[in-house]
């Protein structure tokens, strides 16, 4: 009889394929990362706020779904977003800024719809009104 050694179990893990996969993923992420540019969001701060250079037109969003367009003492109550779209371009002639104010109990969606409607009619400068902390 031949004196053969019994085979031992291999108790090591082969990590070479995992390293290959990780290098491929690294290359993919390095190539695709510059393609995505993050959006810059200028979130208003309550500790300090910039003052507007020109007197802005104010759009007040009410909880009952009506809107109030206020310009240098004159105010117009508007019943719908379509009326606001019709009134905003004539009021913002000359690239005047628009300040949107709403109560803190109002849904965020209502404010976003107003900002979107103002952008649709060509208003370029839209800001949100906040109270500064004392």
C-alpha atoms as a PDB file:
ATOM      1  CA  UNK A   1       0.000   0.000   0.000  1.00  0.00           C
ATOM      2  CA  UNK A   2       1.056   3.432  -0.775  1.00  0.00           C
ATOM      3  CA  UNK A   3       1.439   5.741   2.090  1.00  0.00           C
ATOM      4  CA  UNK A   4      -0.756   8.673   1.073  1.00  0.00           C
ATOM      5  CA  UNK A   5      -1.446  11.664   3.172  1.00  0.00           C
ATOM      6  CA  UNK A   6      -5.075  12.340   3.784  1.00  0.00           C
ATOM      7  CA  UNK A   7      -6.354  15.518   2.165  1.00  0.00           C
ATOM      8  CA  UNK A   8      -6.941  18.429   4.495  1.00  0.00           C
ATOM      9  CA  UNK A   9      -9.790  20.784   4.171  1.00  0.00           C
ATOM     10  CA  UNK A  10      -8.819  24.212   2.996  1.00  0.00           C
ATOM     11  CA  UNK A  11      -9.791  26.718   5.658  1.00  0.00           C
ATOM     12  CA  UNK A  12      -8.898  29.906   3.776  1.00  0.00           C
ATOM     13  CA  UNK A  13     -11.184  32.023   1.700  1.00  0.00           C
ATOM     14  CA  UNK A  14     -10.174  33.133  -1.778  1.00  0.00           C
ATOM     15  CA  UNK A  15     -10.696  36.926  -1.808  1.00  0.00           C
ATOM     16  CA  UNK A  16      -9.234  37.663  -5.248  1.00  0.00           C
ATOM     17  CA  UNK A  17     -12.634  37.629  -7.042  1.00  0.00           C
ATOM     18  CA  UNK A  18     -14.062  40.034  -4.458  1.00  0.00           C
ATOM     19  CA  UNK A  19     -11.166  42.424  -4.983  1.00  0.00           C
ATOM     20  CA  UNK A  20     -11.761  42.302  -8.748  1.00  0.00           C
ATOM     21  CA  UNK A  21     -15.445  43.118  -8.310  1.00  0.00           C
ATOM     22  CA  UNK A  22     -14.660  46.012  -5.956  1.00  0.00           C
ATOM     23  CA  UNK A  23     -12.151  47.491  -8.410  1.00  0.00           C
ATOM     24  CA  UNK A  24     -14.674  47.311 -11.241  1.00  0.00           C
ATOM     25  CA  UNK A  25     -17.311  49.027  -9.068  1.00  0.00           C
ATOM     26  CA  UNK A  26     -14.800  51.684  -8.065  1.00  0.00           C
ATOM     27  CA  UNK A  27     -14.019  52.445 -11.707  1.00  0.00           C
ATOM     28  CA  UNK A  28     -17.745  52.629 -12.556  1.00  0.00           C
ATOM     29  CA  UNK A  29     -18.417  55.077  -9.715  1.00  0.00           C
ATOM     30  CA  UNK A  30     -15.390  57.193 -10.608  1.00  0.00           C
ATOM     31  CA  UNK A  31     -16.585  57.492 -14.200  1.00  0.00           C
ATOM     32  CA  UNK A  32     -20.257  58.218 -13.419  1.00  0.00           C
ATOM     33  CA  UNK A  33     -19.795  60.540 -10.405  1.00  0.00           C
ATOM     34  CA  UNK A  34     -18.819  63.660 -12.423  1.00  0.00           C
ATOM     35  CA  UNK A  35     -21.940  63.253 -14.581  1.00  0.00           C
ATOM     36  CA  UNK A  36     -24.255  64.048 -11.660  1.00  0.00           C
ATOM     37  CA  UNK A  37     -24.172  67.649 -10.483  1.00  0.00           C
ATOM     38  CA  UNK A  38     -25.869  68.205  -7.150  1.00  0.00           C
ATOM     39  CA  UNK A  39     -28.552  70.872  -7.016  1.00  0.00           C
ATOM     40  CA  UNK A  40     -27.636  73.900  -4.956  1.00  0.00           C
ATOM     41  CA  UNK A  41     -30.435  74.845  -2.608  1.00  0.00           C
ATOM     42  CA  UNK A  42     -30.335  78.211  -0.884  1.00  0.00           C
ATOM     43  CA  UNK A  43     -32.402  77.457   2.205  1.00  0.00           C
ATOM     44  CA  UNK A  44     -33.553  80.568   4.074  1.00  0.00           C
ATOM     45  CA  UNK A  45     -32.227  80.881   7.577  1.00  0.00           C
ATOM     46  CA  UNK A  46     -34.208  82.208  10.496  1.00  0.00           C
ATOM     47  CA  UNK A  47     -31.197  83.551  12.389  1.00  0.00           C
ATOM     48  CA  UNK A  48     -30.484  86.162   9.719  1.00  0.00           C
ATOM     49  CA  UNK A  49     -32.041  87.216   6.447  1.00  0.00           C
ATOM     50  CA  UNK A  50     -31.015  89.326   3.470  1.00  0.00           C
ATOM     51  CA  UNK A  51     -32.981  92.472   2.912  1.00  0.00           C
ATOM     52  CA  UNK A  52     -34.320  93.043  -0.574  1.00  0.00           C
ATOM     53  CA  UNK A  53     -32.877  95.890  -2.653  1.00  0.00           C
ATOM     54  CA  UNK A  54     -36.125  96.696  -4.447  1.00  0.00           C
ATOM     55  CA  UNK A  55     -39.560  96.706  -2.869  1.00  0.00           C
ATOM     56  CA  UNK A  56     -40.859  93.186  -3.651  1.00  0.00           C
ATOM     57  CA  UNK A  57     -44.357  92.226  -4.629  1.00  0.00           C
ATOM     58  CA  UNK A  58     -45.863  90.032  -1.929  1.00  0.00           C
ATOM     59  CA  UNK A  59     -47.993  86.972  -2.577  1.00  0.00           C
ATOM     60  CA  UNK A  60     -49.771  85.756   0.548  1.00  0.00           C
ATOM     61  CA  UNK A  61     -51.057  82.178   0.536  1.00  0.00           C
ATOM     62  CA  UNK A  62     -54.104  81.803   2.767  1.00  0.00           C
ATOM     63  CA  UNK A  63     -55.189  78.587   4.466  1.00  0.00           C
ATOM     64  CA  UNK A  64     -58.557  78.642   2.677  1.00  0.00           C
ATOM     65  CA  UNK A  65     -56.929  78.384  -0.749  1.00  0.00           C
ATOM     66  CA  UNK A  66     -57.122  82.044  -1.742  1.00  0.00           C
ATOM     67  CA  UNK A  67     -54.193  84.256  -2.609  1.00  0.00           C
ATOM     68  CA  UNK A  68     -53.503  87.918  -1.976  1.00  0.00           C
ATOM     69  CA  UNK A  69     -51.270  89.927  -4.313  1.00  0.00           C
ATOM     70  CA  UNK A  70     -49.920  92.988  -2.525  1.00  0.00           C
ATOM     71  CA  UNK A  71     -47.942  95.750  -4.285  1.00  0.00           C
ATOM     72  CA  UNK A  72     -47.004  99.051  -2.560  1.00  0.00           C
ATOM     73  CA  UNK A  73     -50.145  99.296  -0.462  1.00  0.00           C
ATOM     74  CA  UNK A  74     -52.515  97.944  -3.113  1.00  0.00           C
ATOM     75  CA  UNK A  75     -53.808  94.447  -2.522  1.00  0.00           C
ATOM     76  CA  UNK A  76     -55.938  92.179  -4.660  1.00  0.00           C
ATOM     77  CA  UNK A  77     -57.580  88.999  -3.447  1.00  0.00           C
ATOM     78  CA  UNK A  78     -57.368  86.184  -5.983  1.00  0.00           C
ATOM     79  CA  UNK A  79     -59.530  83.068  -5.778  1.00  0.00           C
ATOM     80  CA  UNK A  80     -57.377  80.616  -7.717  1.00  0.00           C
ATOM     81  CA  UNK A  81     -53.902  79.888  -8.959  1.00  0.00           C
ATOM     82  CA  UNK A  82     -54.979  80.707 -12.540  1.00  0.00           C
ATOM     83  CA  UNK A  83     -55.943  84.233 -11.478  1.00  0.00           C
ATOM     84  CA  UNK A  84     -52.544  84.596  -9.843  1.00  0.00           C
ATOM     85  CA  UNK A  85     -50.868  83.486 -13.080  1.00  0.00           C
ATOM     86  CA  UNK A  86     -52.784  86.166 -14.994  1.00  0.00           C
ATOM     87  CA  UNK A  87     -52.053  88.965 -12.495  1.00  0.00           C
ATOM     88  CA  UNK A  88     -48.377  88.191 -11.791  1.00  0.00           C
ATOM     89  CA  UNK A  89     -46.757  89.092 -15.163  1.00  0.00           C
ATOM     90  CA  UNK A  90     -48.242  92.594 -15.247  1.00  0.00           C
ATOM     91  CA  UNK A  91     -47.238  93.224 -11.626  1.00  0.00           C
ATOM     92  CA  UNK A  92     -43.673  91.967 -12.042  1.00  0.00           C
ATOM     93  CA  UNK A  93     -42.778  94.074 -15.068  1.00  0.00           C
ATOM     94  CA  UNK A  94     -39.200  95.289 -14.867  1.00  0.00           C
ATOM     95  CA  UNK A  95     -37.863  92.112 -13.240  1.00  0.00           C
ATOM     96  CA  UNK A  96     -39.169  92.916  -9.755  1.00  0.00           C
ATOM     97  CA  UNK A  97     -38.787  90.254  -7.075  1.00  0.00           C
ATOM     98  CA  UNK A  98     -41.752  88.391  -5.626  1.00  0.00           C
ATOM     99  CA  UNK A  99     -41.896  87.399  -1.948  1.00  0.00           C
ATOM    100  CA  UNK A 100     -44.162  84.466  -1.063  1.00  0.00           C
ATOM    101  CA  UNK A 101     -45.444  84.299   2.496  1.00  0.00           C
ATOM    102  CA  UNK A 102     -47.623  81.682   4.124  1.00  0.00           C
ATOM    103  CA  UNK A 103     -48.566  80.549   7.599  1.00  0.00           C
ATOM    104  CA  UNK A 104     -46.532  77.795   9.192  1.00  0.00           C
ATOM    105  CA  UNK A 105     -49.631  75.579   9.456  1.00  0.00           C
ATOM    106  CA  UNK A 106     -50.105  75.591   5.681  1.00  0.00           C
ATOM    107  CA  UNK A 107     -49.096  72.564   3.638  1.00  0.00           C
ATOM    108  CA  UNK A 108     -45.744  72.793   1.889  1.00  0.00           C
ATOM    109  CA  UNK A 109     -47.378  71.706  -1.377  1.00  0.00           C
ATOM    110  CA  UNK A 110     -49.467  74.886  -1.549  1.00  0.00           C
ATOM    111  CA  UNK A 111     -46.364  77.077  -1.345  1.00  0.00           C
ATOM    112  CA  UNK A 112     -44.527  74.995  -3.955  1.00  0.00           C
ATOM    113  CA  UNK A 113     -47.478  75.283  -6.345  1.00  0.00           C
ATOM    114  CA  UNK A 114     -47.389  79.091  -6.033  1.00  0.00           C
ATOM    115  CA  UNK A 115     -43.638  79.203  -6.687  1.00  0.00           C
ATOM    116  CA  UNK A 116     -44.053  76.870  -9.675  1.00  0.00           C
ATOM    117  CA  UNK A 117     -46.892  78.977 -11.086  1.00  0.00           C
ATOM    118  CA  UNK A 118     -44.777  82.125 -10.777  1.00  0.00           C
ATOM    119  CA  UNK A 119     -41.894  80.454 -12.604  1.00  0.00           C
ATOM    120  CA  UNK A 120     -44.262  79.276 -15.362  1.00  0.00           C
ATOM    121  CA  UNK A 121     -45.353  82.849 -16.132  1.00  0.00           C
ATOM    122  CA  UNK A 122     -41.770  84.110 -16.257  1.00  0.00           C
ATOM    123  CA  UNK A 123     -41.066  85.506 -12.793  1.00  0.00           C
ATOM    124  CA  UNK A 124     -37.338  85.043 -12.245  1.00  0.00           C
ATOM    125  CA  UNK A 125     -36.858  86.242  -8.674  1.00  0.00           C
ATOM    126  CA  UNK A 126     -38.955  84.415  -6.087  1.00  0.00           C
ATOM    127  CA  UNK A 127     -38.182  84.440  -2.356  1.00  0.00           C
ATOM    128  CA  UNK A 128     -39.837  83.047   0.759  1.00  0.00           C
ATOM    129  CA  UNK A 129     -40.646  85.336   3.669  1.00  0.00           C
ATOM    130  CA  UNK A 130     -39.374  84.222   7.094  1.00  0.00           C
ATOM    131  CA  UNK A 131     -39.284  85.788  10.533  1.00  0.00           C
ATOM    132  CA  UNK A 132     -35.852  86.482  11.952  1.00  0.00           C
ATOM    133  CA  UNK A 133     -35.081  85.237  15.446  1.00  0.00           C
ATOM    134  CA  UNK A 134     -34.412  87.904  18.051  1.00  0.00           C
END
